[in-house]
Amino acid sequence: MKILVIGGGGREHAMAWKISQSPKVTKVY
C-alpha cells in the first residue's frame, strides 16, 4: 500500500510516521 500525506504540519508528520510503522505500508510520500 502506498500512502500520500499532504501537508507539512506536525500532525501530518506524526501521522506519516505512524503510518510508516505499519508493515502493510510499502511507501510513504
C-alpha atoms as a PDB file:
ATOM      1  CA  MET A   1       0.000   0.000   0.000  1.00  0.00           C
ATOM      2  CA  LYS A   2       1.249   3.472  -0.859  1.00  0.00           C
ATOM      3  CA  ILE A   3       0.332   6.494   1.235  1.00  0.00           C
ATOM      4  CA  LEU A   4       0.497  10.145   0.226  1.00  0.00           C
ATOM      5  CA  VAL A   5       0.476  12.604   3.105  1.00  0.00           C
ATOM      6  CA  ILE A   6      -0.443  16.179   2.223  1.00  0.00           C
ATOM      7  CA  GLY A   7       0.726  18.988   4.471  1.00  0.00           C
ATOM      8  CA  GLY A   8       3.863  19.853   6.370  1.00  0.00           C
ATOM      9  CA  GLY A   9       2.498  20.373   9.861  1.00  0.00           C
ATOM     10  CA  GLY A  10       3.349  18.378  12.965  1.00  0.00           C
ATOM     11  CA  ARG A  11       0.110  16.426  12.801  1.00  0.00           C
ATOM     12  CA  GLU A  12       0.768  15.299   9.228  1.00  0.00           C
ATOM     13  CA  HIS A  13       4.332  14.374  10.099  1.00  0.00           C
ATOM     14  CA  ALA A  14       3.219  12.347  13.124  1.00  0.00           C
ATOM     15  CA  MET A  15       0.553  10.636  11.043  1.00  0.00           C
ATOM     16  CA  ALA A  16       3.050   9.804   8.297  1.00  0.00           C
ATOM     17  CA  TRP A  17       5.470   8.417  10.876  1.00  0.00           C
ATOM     18  CA  LYS A  18       2.743   6.310  12.482  1.00  0.00           C
ATOM     19  CA  ILE A  19       1.623   5.006   9.080  1.00  0.00           C
ATOM     20  CA  SER A  20       5.202   4.166   8.120  1.00  0.00           C
ATOM     21  CA  GLN A  21       5.441   1.882  11.171  1.00  0.00           C
ATOM     22  CA  SER A  22       2.702  -0.310   9.696  1.00  0.00           C
ATOM     23  CA  PRO A  23       4.041  -3.456   7.982  1.00  0.00           C
ATOM     24  CA  LYS A  24       1.367  -3.178   5.263  1.00  0.00           C
ATOM     25  CA  VAL A  25       2.652   0.154   4.007  1.00  0.00           C
ATOM     26  CA  THR A  26       5.401  -0.050   1.396  1.00  0.00           C
ATOM     27  CA  LYS A  27       5.886   3.638   0.675  1.00  0.00           C
ATOM     28  CA  VAL A  28       5.039   6.956   2.290  1.00  0.00           C
ATOM     29  CA  TYR A  29       5.357  10.109   0.174  1.00  0.00           C
END
